[in-house]
Amino acid sequence: MNPDNPVIGPVFKAMEITAKSLELGLQQFAVRGPNEFENAFSAMIKKRVEAVAIQEDGMLNANVRTAGDLTIKKRLPSIGNVEVPQAGGLLGYGVNFPEIFRRAAHFVDKILKGAKPADLPVEQPTVFELVINMKTAKALGIQIPQSVLLRANRVIE
């Protein structure tokens, strides 16, 4: 996680609540810039971390390939946004951005036809994607259940 991102605090608190309910341990490893990935992943290995959740953050997104390469090198299953498995991580789950852009076009159309932006409803995403990288799963010796594969929007072979 990037501790300089002010959104991380509430996100991490939600993760703590979920981890506690699942009886899982949760540790933070700070990465403020591209030169800190190697040290963070080495610290994860020393602490015997079993999996990595890569948080949504501009700096982390811009360096997702570095994180993906390290998850494979350090043999750590990872989850993050849908770009994570494309960069070598195991799983990605998140908003379907093309769908959001289509919805944005709907609002632009209404505004151009005279609607006041303040009068338009706020919408939350309703379409999400699950992406699984089977090459990474095989490299890590992880069996993905068929029931999960069937739910995936994309499977990277």
N, C-alpha and C. Protein backbone atom coordinates (compact mmCIF):
# COMPACT_ATOMS: atom_id res chain seq x y z
N MET A 1 0.84 -1.18 0.00
CA MET A 1 0.00 0.00 0.00
C MET A 1 0.88 1.24 0.00
N ASN A 2 0.33 2.29 -0.53
CA ASN A 2 1.01 3.57 -0.53
C ASN A 2 0.45 4.41 0.61
N PRO A 3 1.20 4.55 1.72
CA PRO A 3 0.67 5.27 2.88
C PRO A 3 0.47 6.76 2.63
N ASP A 4 1.02 7.28 1.52
CA ASP A 4 0.83 8.69 1.20
C ASP A 4 -0.54 8.95 0.56
N ASN A 5 -1.26 7.90 0.22
CA ASN A 5 -2.58 8.03 -0.39
C ASN A 5 -3.61 8.15 0.75
N PRO A 6 -4.31 9.29 0.86
CA PRO A 6 -5.24 9.49 1.98
C PRO A 6 -6.44 8.54 1.97
N VAL A 7 -6.74 7.92 0.87
CA VAL A 7 -7.87 6.99 0.78
C VAL A 7 -7.55 5.66 1.47
N ILE A 8 -6.28 5.34 1.61
CA ILE A 8 -5.87 4.04 2.14
C ILE A 8 -6.34 3.81 3.58
N GLY A 9 -6.37 4.84 4.40
CA GLY A 9 -6.78 4.67 5.80
C GLY A 9 -8.12 3.97 5.95
N PRO A 10 -9.20 4.51 5.37
CA PRO A 10 -10.50 3.85 5.49
C PRO A 10 -10.53 2.48 4.80
N VAL A 11 -9.82 2.35 3.69
CA VAL A 11 -9.78 1.06 2.99
C VAL A 11 -9.12 0.01 3.88
N PHE A 12 -8.01 0.39 4.50
CA PHE A 12 -7.31 -0.57 5.36
C PHE A 12 -8.15 -0.94 6.58
N LYS A 13 -8.87 0.02 7.14
CA LYS A 13 -9.75 -0.30 8.27
C LYS A 13 -10.81 -1.33 7.87
N ALA A 14 -11.38 -1.17 6.69
CA ALA A 14 -12.36 -2.15 6.19
C ALA A 14 -11.70 -3.51 6.00
N MET A 15 -10.48 -3.51 5.50
CA MET A 15 -9.75 -4.77 5.33
C MET A 15 -9.49 -5.44 6.68
N GLU A 16 -9.16 -4.63 7.69
CA GLU A 16 -8.92 -5.18 9.03
C GLU A 16 -10.17 -5.87 9.58
N ILE A 17 -11.30 -5.23 9.41
CA ILE A 17 -12.57 -5.80 9.89
C ILE A 17 -12.84 -7.13 9.18
N THR A 18 -12.65 -7.14 7.87
CA THR A 18 -12.89 -8.37 7.10
C THR A 18 -11.90 -9.45 7.49
N ALA A 19 -10.63 -9.10 7.61
CA ALA A 19 -9.60 -10.08 7.98
C ALA A 19 -9.92 -10.69 9.34
N LYS A 20 -10.32 -9.85 10.28
CA LYS A 20 -10.65 -10.35 11.61
C LYS A 20 -11.83 -11.32 11.56
N SER A 21 -12.85 -10.98 10.77
CA SER A 21 -14.02 -11.86 10.68
C SER A 21 -13.67 -13.20 10.02
N LEU A 22 -12.65 -13.21 9.17
CA LEU A 22 -12.20 -14.43 8.51
C LEU A 22 -11.07 -15.14 9.27
N GLU A 23 -10.70 -14.55 10.41
CA GLU A 23 -9.60 -15.06 11.23
C GLU A 23 -8.30 -15.13 10.45
N LEU A 24 -8.03 -14.05 9.70
CA LEU A 24 -6.79 -13.93 8.94
C LEU A 24 -5.94 -12.81 9.53
N GLY A 25 -4.63 -12.98 9.44
CA GLY A 25 -3.73 -11.90 9.83
C GLY A 25 -3.62 -10.90 8.68
N LEU A 26 -3.36 -9.66 9.01
CA LEU A 26 -3.23 -8.62 8.00
C LEU A 26 -2.07 -7.72 8.38
N GLN A 27 -1.17 -7.51 7.46
CA GLN A 27 -0.01 -6.66 7.70
C GLN A 27 0.10 -5.63 6.58
N GLN A 28 0.59 -4.45 6.91
CA GLN A 28 0.82 -3.40 5.92
C GLN A 28 2.29 -3.39 5.51
N PHE A 29 2.52 -3.19 4.22
CA PHE A 29 3.87 -3.01 3.71
C PHE A 29 3.83 -1.78 2.82
N ALA A 30 4.54 -0.75 3.23
CA ALA A 30 4.48 0.54 2.55
C ALA A 30 5.38 0.57 1.31
N VAL A 31 4.82 1.14 0.25
CA VAL A 31 5.56 1.38 -0.99
C VAL A 31 5.16 2.77 -1.46
N ARG A 32 6.07 3.72 -1.31
CA ARG A 32 5.78 5.10 -1.70
C ARG A 32 6.25 5.43 -3.12
N GLY A 33 7.15 4.60 -3.63
CA GLY A 33 7.68 4.84 -4.96
C GLY A 33 8.22 3.56 -5.56
N PRO A 34 8.53 3.59 -6.86
CA PRO A 34 8.97 2.38 -7.57
C PRO A 34 10.23 1.73 -6.98
N ASN A 35 11.07 2.52 -6.35
CA ASN A 35 12.31 1.97 -5.79
C ASN A 35 12.10 1.24 -4.46
N GLU A 36 10.87 1.20 -3.95
CA GLU A 36 10.60 0.55 -2.66
C GLU A 36 9.95 -0.82 -2.78
N PHE A 37 9.62 -1.26 -3.99
CA PHE A 37 8.94 -2.55 -4.17
C PHE A 37 9.79 -3.72 -3.69
N GLU A 38 11.03 -3.77 -4.11
CA GLU A 38 11.90 -4.90 -3.77
C GLU A 38 12.01 -5.06 -2.26
N ASN A 39 12.24 -3.96 -1.54
CA ASN A 39 12.35 -4.04 -0.08
C ASN A 39 11.04 -4.49 0.56
N ALA A 40 9.92 -3.99 0.05
CA ALA A 40 8.62 -4.38 0.62
C ALA A 40 8.38 -5.87 0.43
N PHE A 41 8.66 -6.38 -0.76
CA PHE A 41 8.43 -7.80 -1.02
C PHE A 41 9.42 -8.67 -0.24
N SER A 42 10.64 -8.22 -0.07
CA SER A 42 11.60 -8.97 0.76
C SER A 42 11.12 -9.01 2.22
N ALA A 43 10.56 -7.90 2.69
CA ALA A 43 10.03 -7.86 4.06
C ALA A 43 8.83 -8.81 4.19
N MET A 44 8.04 -8.92 3.14
CA MET A 44 6.90 -9.86 3.18
C MET A 44 7.39 -11.29 3.34
N ILE A 45 8.44 -11.63 2.63
CA ILE A 45 9.00 -12.99 2.73
C ILE A 45 9.53 -13.24 4.13
N LYS A 46 10.23 -12.26 4.69
CA LYS A 46 10.77 -12.41 6.06
C LYS A 46 9.65 -12.60 7.08
N LYS A 47 8.51 -11.94 6.86
CA LYS A 47 7.37 -12.04 7.79
C LYS A 47 6.47 -13.23 7.46
N ARG A 48 6.87 -14.03 6.46
CA ARG A 48 6.13 -15.23 6.06
C ARG A 48 4.70 -14.92 5.58
N VAL A 49 4.58 -13.85 4.83
CA VAL A 49 3.30 -13.49 4.24
C VAL A 49 2.91 -14.59 3.25
N GLU A 50 1.63 -14.92 3.22
CA GLU A 50 1.16 -16.01 2.35
C GLU A 50 0.47 -15.51 1.09
N ALA A 51 0.05 -14.24 1.06
CA ALA A 51 -0.62 -13.68 -0.11
C ALA A 51 -0.56 -12.16 -0.02
N VAL A 52 -0.75 -11.50 -1.17
CA VAL A 52 -0.65 -10.05 -1.24
C VAL A 52 -1.92 -9.47 -1.86
N ALA A 53 -2.45 -8.43 -1.23
CA ALA A 53 -3.55 -7.65 -1.80
C ALA A 53 -2.96 -6.30 -2.19
N ILE A 54 -2.91 -6.02 -3.48
CA ILE A 54 -2.33 -4.78 -3.97
C ILE A 54 -3.44 -3.74 -4.05
N GLN A 55 -3.27 -2.67 -3.29
CA GLN A 55 -4.30 -1.65 -3.18
C GLN A 55 -4.39 -0.78 -4.43
N GLU A 56 -5.55 -0.21 -4.64
CA GLU A 56 -5.79 0.72 -5.74
C GLU A 56 -5.10 2.04 -5.40
N ASP A 57 -4.17 2.45 -6.26
CA ASP A 57 -3.40 3.67 -6.02
C ASP A 57 -2.71 4.03 -7.34
N GLY A 58 -2.63 5.30 -7.65
CA GLY A 58 -2.03 5.73 -8.90
C GLY A 58 -0.60 5.26 -9.08
N MET A 59 0.23 5.40 -8.04
CA MET A 59 1.63 4.97 -8.14
C MET A 59 1.72 3.46 -8.28
N LEU A 60 0.92 2.73 -7.51
CA LEU A 60 0.95 1.27 -7.61
C LEU A 60 0.43 0.82 -8.97
N ASN A 61 -0.62 1.46 -9.46
CA ASN A 61 -1.15 1.12 -10.78
C ASN A 61 -0.10 1.35 -11.87
N ALA A 62 0.62 2.45 -11.76
CA ALA A 62 1.64 2.77 -12.77
C ALA A 62 2.79 1.78 -12.75
N ASN A 63 2.97 1.09 -11.63
CA ASN A 63 4.07 0.14 -11.47
C ASN A 63 3.57 -1.28 -11.25
N VAL A 64 2.40 -1.58 -11.78
CA VAL A 64 1.79 -2.89 -11.56
C VAL A 64 2.66 -4.01 -12.13
N ARG A 65 3.38 -3.75 -13.21
CA ARG A 65 4.26 -4.79 -13.79
C ARG A 65 5.35 -5.17 -12.80
N THR A 66 5.93 -4.19 -12.11
CA THR A 66 6.96 -4.47 -11.10
C THR A 66 6.38 -5.33 -9.98
N ALA A 67 5.20 -4.96 -9.50
CA ALA A 67 4.55 -5.74 -8.44
C ALA A 67 4.23 -7.14 -8.94
N GLY A 68 3.72 -7.26 -10.15
CA GLY A 68 3.40 -8.58 -10.72
C GLY A 68 4.64 -9.46 -10.83
N ASP A 69 5.74 -8.88 -11.32
CA ASP A 69 6.98 -9.65 -11.44
C ASP A 69 7.47 -10.13 -10.08
N LEU A 70 7.36 -9.27 -9.07
CA LEU A 70 7.82 -9.66 -7.74
C LEU A 70 6.93 -10.70 -7.09
N THR A 71 5.63 -10.66 -7.36
CA THR A 71 4.76 -11.68 -6.78
C THR A 71 5.13 -13.06 -7.32
N ILE A 72 5.52 -13.12 -8.58
CA ILE A 72 5.95 -14.40 -9.16
C ILE A 72 7.33 -14.79 -8.61
N LYS A 73 8.25 -13.85 -8.64
CA LYS A 73 9.62 -14.11 -8.16
C LYS A 73 9.62 -14.58 -6.71
N LYS A 74 8.79 -13.95 -5.88
CA LYS A 74 8.73 -14.29 -4.45
C LYS A 74 7.69 -15.38 -4.15
N ARG A 75 7.01 -15.86 -5.21
CA ARG A 75 6.03 -16.94 -5.10
C ARG A 75 4.88 -16.59 -4.14
N LEU A 76 4.32 -15.39 -4.34
CA LEU A 76 3.21 -14.93 -3.51
C LEU A 76 1.95 -14.75 -4.36
N PRO A 77 0.89 -15.46 -4.06
CA PRO A 77 -0.38 -15.20 -4.75
C PRO A 77 -0.80 -13.75 -4.49
N SER A 78 -1.38 -13.12 -5.50
CA SER A 78 -1.77 -11.72 -5.33
C SER A 78 -3.14 -11.45 -5.93
N ILE A 79 -3.77 -10.44 -5.38
CA ILE A 79 -5.05 -9.95 -5.90
C ILE A 79 -4.98 -8.43 -5.91
N GLY A 80 -5.67 -7.85 -6.85
CA GLY A 80 -5.74 -6.40 -6.96
C GLY A 80 -6.77 -6.05 -8.01
N ASN A 81 -6.60 -4.91 -8.64
CA ASN A 81 -7.54 -4.53 -9.69
C ASN A 81 -7.32 -5.43 -10.91
N VAL A 82 -8.10 -5.25 -11.95
CA VAL A 82 -8.05 -6.16 -13.10
C VAL A 82 -6.74 -6.11 -13.86
N GLU A 83 -5.92 -5.09 -13.65
CA GLU A 83 -4.61 -5.02 -14.30
C GLU A 83 -3.58 -5.94 -13.62
N VAL A 84 -3.81 -6.30 -12.37
CA VAL A 84 -2.85 -7.12 -11.62
C VAL A 84 -2.60 -8.47 -12.30
N PRO A 85 -3.61 -9.25 -12.67
CA PRO A 85 -3.31 -10.52 -13.33
C PRO A 85 -2.73 -10.33 -14.74
N GLN A 86 -3.06 -9.23 -15.39
CA GLN A 86 -2.46 -8.95 -16.69
C GLN A 86 -0.97 -8.69 -16.57
N ALA A 87 -0.53 -8.26 -15.39
CA ALA A 87 0.87 -7.97 -15.13
C ALA A 87 1.59 -9.13 -14.45
N GLY A 88 0.92 -10.28 -14.32
CA GLY A 88 1.55 -11.45 -13.73
C GLY A 88 1.00 -11.86 -12.38
N GLY A 89 0.14 -11.05 -11.79
CA GLY A 89 -0.48 -11.42 -10.53
C GLY A 89 -1.49 -12.54 -10.74
N LEU A 90 -2.05 -13.05 -9.66
CA LEU A 90 -2.96 -14.18 -9.75
C LEU A 90 -4.39 -13.77 -10.08
N LEU A 91 -4.96 -12.87 -9.30
CA LEU A 91 -6.38 -12.52 -9.45
C LEU A 91 -6.56 -11.01 -9.55
N GLY A 92 -7.57 -10.62 -10.29
CA GLY A 92 -7.97 -9.23 -10.35
C GLY A 92 -9.47 -9.15 -10.23
N TYR A 93 -9.94 -8.20 -9.46
CA TYR A 93 -11.37 -8.00 -9.32
C TYR A 93 -11.61 -6.51 -9.22
N GLY A 94 -12.53 -6.01 -10.01
CA GLY A 94 -12.81 -4.59 -9.92
C GLY A 94 -13.84 -4.14 -10.91
N VAL A 95 -14.00 -2.85 -10.95
CA VAL A 95 -14.98 -2.19 -11.78
C VAL A 95 -14.65 -2.40 -13.26
N ASN A 96 -15.68 -2.57 -14.04
CA ASN A 96 -15.54 -2.66 -15.49
C ASN A 96 -15.56 -1.23 -16.02
N PHE A 97 -14.36 -0.68 -16.29
CA PHE A 97 -14.27 0.73 -16.69
C PHE A 97 -14.93 1.04 -18.03
N PRO A 98 -14.86 0.17 -19.05
CA PRO A 98 -15.60 0.49 -20.28
C PRO A 98 -17.09 0.71 -20.01
N GLU A 99 -17.67 -0.05 -19.09
CA GLU A 99 -19.09 0.14 -18.74
C GLU A 99 -19.30 1.50 -18.07
N ILE A 100 -18.38 1.90 -17.20
CA ILE A 100 -18.49 3.21 -16.56
C ILE A 100 -18.40 4.32 -17.60
N PHE A 101 -17.49 4.16 -18.57
CA PHE A 101 -17.34 5.18 -19.61
C PHE A 101 -18.62 5.29 -20.46
N ARG A 102 -19.24 4.13 -20.72
CA ARG A 102 -20.51 4.16 -21.47
C ARG A 102 -21.57 4.92 -20.67
N ARG A 103 -21.62 4.68 -19.38
CA ARG A 103 -22.59 5.39 -18.53
C ARG A 103 -22.26 6.88 -18.49
N ALA A 104 -20.99 7.22 -18.48
CA ALA A 104 -20.61 8.64 -18.49
C ALA A 104 -21.11 9.31 -19.76
N ALA A 105 -21.03 8.60 -20.89
CA ALA A 105 -21.53 9.15 -22.15
C ALA A 105 -23.03 9.45 -22.05
N HIS A 106 -23.75 8.61 -21.34
CA HIS A 106 -25.19 8.82 -21.13
C HIS A 106 -25.41 10.16 -20.41
N PHE A 107 -24.60 10.45 -19.40
CA PHE A 107 -24.75 11.70 -18.65
C PHE A 107 -24.31 12.90 -19.48
N VAL A 108 -23.25 12.75 -20.25
CA VAL A 108 -22.80 13.83 -21.13
C VAL A 108 -23.91 14.18 -22.11
N ASP A 109 -24.54 13.17 -22.67
CA ASP A 109 -25.64 13.39 -23.60
C ASP A 109 -26.76 14.20 -22.95
N LYS A 110 -27.13 13.83 -21.72
CA LYS A 110 -28.21 14.55 -21.02
C LYS A 110 -27.81 16.00 -20.76
N ILE A 111 -26.56 16.22 -20.35
CA ILE A 111 -26.09 17.59 -20.07
C ILE A 111 -26.08 18.42 -21.34
N LEU A 112 -25.61 17.84 -22.43
CA LEU A 112 -25.59 18.56 -23.71
C LEU A 112 -27.00 18.88 -24.21
N LYS A 113 -27.97 18.12 -23.77
CA LYS A 113 -29.38 18.37 -24.14
C LYS A 113 -30.08 19.30 -23.15
N GLY A 114 -29.31 19.84 -22.19
CA GLY A 114 -29.85 20.86 -21.30
C GLY A 114 -30.07 20.46 -19.86
N ALA A 115 -29.83 19.22 -19.50
CA ALA A 115 -30.02 18.82 -18.09
C ALA A 115 -28.98 19.51 -17.21
N LYS A 116 -29.39 19.85 -16.02
CA LYS A 116 -28.46 20.44 -15.06
C LYS A 116 -27.71 19.30 -14.36
N PRO A 117 -26.39 19.36 -14.32
CA PRO A 117 -25.62 18.28 -13.66
C PRO A 117 -26.08 18.00 -12.23
N ALA A 118 -26.44 19.03 -11.50
CA ALA A 118 -26.88 18.84 -10.11
C ALA A 118 -28.18 18.06 -10.00
N ASP A 119 -28.95 18.02 -11.10
CA ASP A 119 -30.22 17.30 -11.08
C ASP A 119 -30.08 15.83 -11.48
N LEU A 120 -28.92 15.45 -11.94
CA LEU A 120 -28.71 14.06 -12.39
C LEU A 120 -28.39 13.17 -11.19
N PRO A 121 -28.87 11.95 -11.21
CA PRO A 121 -28.59 11.05 -10.08
C PRO A 121 -27.13 10.60 -10.05
N VAL A 122 -26.66 10.31 -8.87
CA VAL A 122 -25.33 9.73 -8.70
C VAL A 122 -25.48 8.23 -8.87
N GLU A 123 -24.59 7.63 -9.63
CA GLU A 123 -24.64 6.19 -9.84
C GLU A 123 -23.38 5.54 -9.29
N GLN A 124 -23.53 4.35 -8.81
CA GLN A 124 -22.39 3.54 -8.41
C GLN A 124 -22.19 2.45 -9.44
N PRO A 125 -20.95 1.95 -9.56
CA PRO A 125 -20.72 0.86 -10.52
C PRO A 125 -21.59 -0.34 -10.21
N THR A 126 -22.05 -0.99 -11.27
CA THR A 126 -22.86 -2.20 -11.10
C THR A 126 -22.27 -3.39 -11.84
N VAL A 127 -21.26 -3.13 -12.68
CA VAL A 127 -20.64 -4.21 -13.45
C VAL A 127 -19.20 -4.34 -12.99
N PHE A 128 -18.84 -5.54 -12.54
CA PHE A 128 -17.49 -5.82 -12.05
C PHE A 128 -16.91 -6.98 -12.84
N GLU A 129 -15.58 -7.07 -12.82
CA GLU A 129 -14.88 -8.13 -13.55
C GLU A 129 -14.02 -8.96 -12.61
N LEU A 130 -13.94 -10.24 -12.89
CA LEU A 130 -13.00 -11.14 -12.23
C LEU A 130 -12.07 -11.67 -13.31
N VAL A 131 -10.76 -11.46 -13.12
CA VAL A 131 -9.76 -11.92 -14.07
C VAL A 131 -8.81 -12.86 -13.33
N ILE A 132 -8.53 -14.01 -13.93
CA ILE A 132 -7.66 -15.02 -13.32
C ILE A 132 -6.50 -15.30 -14.27
N ASN A 133 -5.29 -15.29 -13.74
CA ASN A 133 -4.10 -15.61 -14.53
C ASN A 133 -3.72 -17.06 -14.23
N MET A 134 -4.06 -17.96 -15.15
CA MET A 134 -3.78 -19.39 -14.95
C MET A 134 -2.29 -19.71 -15.07
N LYS A 135 -1.55 -18.94 -15.85
CA LYS A 135 -0.09 -19.16 -15.91
C LYS A 135 0.52 -18.95 -14.53
N THR A 136 0.08 -17.91 -13.84
CA THR A 136 0.58 -17.64 -12.50
C THR A 136 0.11 -18.71 -11.53
N ALA A 137 -1.15 -19.12 -11.65
CA ALA A 137 -1.67 -20.18 -10.77
C ALA A 137 -0.83 -21.44 -10.91
N LYS A 138 -0.53 -21.82 -12.14
CA LYS A 138 0.28 -23.02 -12.37
C LYS A 138 1.69 -22.84 -11.82
N ALA A 139 2.28 -21.67 -12.03
CA ALA A 139 3.63 -21.41 -11.54
C ALA A 139 3.70 -21.47 -10.02
N LEU A 140 2.60 -21.10 -9.35
CA LEU A 140 2.55 -21.11 -7.89
C LEU A 140 2.00 -22.42 -7.33
N GLY A 141 1.59 -23.32 -8.21
CA GLY A 141 1.03 -24.60 -7.76
C GLY A 141 -0.34 -24.47 -7.14
N ILE A 142 -1.11 -23.50 -7.60
CA ILE A 142 -2.45 -23.25 -7.04
C ILE A 142 -3.50 -23.79 -8.00
N GLN A 143 -4.41 -24.59 -7.46
CA GLN A 143 -5.53 -25.11 -8.24
C GLN A 143 -6.70 -24.15 -8.08
N ILE A 144 -7.16 -23.60 -9.19
CA ILE A 144 -8.34 -22.73 -9.15
C ILE A 144 -9.55 -23.62 -9.38
N PRO A 145 -10.50 -23.65 -8.45
CA PRO A 145 -11.68 -24.50 -8.64
C PRO A 145 -12.45 -24.14 -9.91
N GLN A 146 -13.00 -25.15 -10.55
CA GLN A 146 -13.77 -24.94 -11.77
C GLN A 146 -14.92 -23.96 -11.54
N SER A 147 -15.53 -24.01 -10.36
CA SER A 147 -16.64 -23.10 -10.07
C SER A 147 -16.19 -21.64 -10.10
N VAL A 148 -14.95 -21.37 -9.71
CA VAL A 148 -14.42 -20.00 -9.76
C VAL A 148 -14.07 -19.64 -11.20
N LEU A 149 -13.46 -20.56 -11.92
CA LEU A 149 -13.12 -20.31 -13.33
C LEU A 149 -14.36 -19.97 -14.15
N LEU A 150 -15.47 -20.64 -13.86
CA LEU A 150 -16.70 -20.38 -14.59
C LEU A 150 -17.27 -18.99 -14.31
N ARG A 151 -16.95 -18.43 -13.16
CA ARG A 151 -17.43 -17.09 -12.81
C ARG A 151 -16.54 -15.99 -13.37
N ALA A 152 -15.34 -16.34 -13.81
CA ALA A 152 -14.39 -15.34 -14.30
C ALA A 152 -14.86 -14.73 -15.61
N ASN A 153 -14.64 -13.43 -15.73
CA ASN A 153 -14.92 -12.73 -16.99
C ASN A 153 -13.81 -13.01 -18.00
N ARG A 154 -12.59 -13.15 -17.50
CA ARG A 154 -11.43 -13.45 -18.35
C ARG A 154 -10.51 -14.41 -17.62
N VAL A 155 -9.97 -15.36 -18.38
CA VAL A 155 -8.97 -16.28 -17.85
C VAL A 155 -7.76 -16.14 -18.76
N ILE A 156 -6.64 -15.78 -18.17
CA ILE A 156 -5.39 -15.63 -18.93
C ILE A 156 -4.69 -16.97 -18.89
N GLU A 157 -4.47 -17.54 -20.08
CA GLU A 157 -3.81 -18.86 -20.18
C GLU A 157 -2.32 -18.75 -20.34
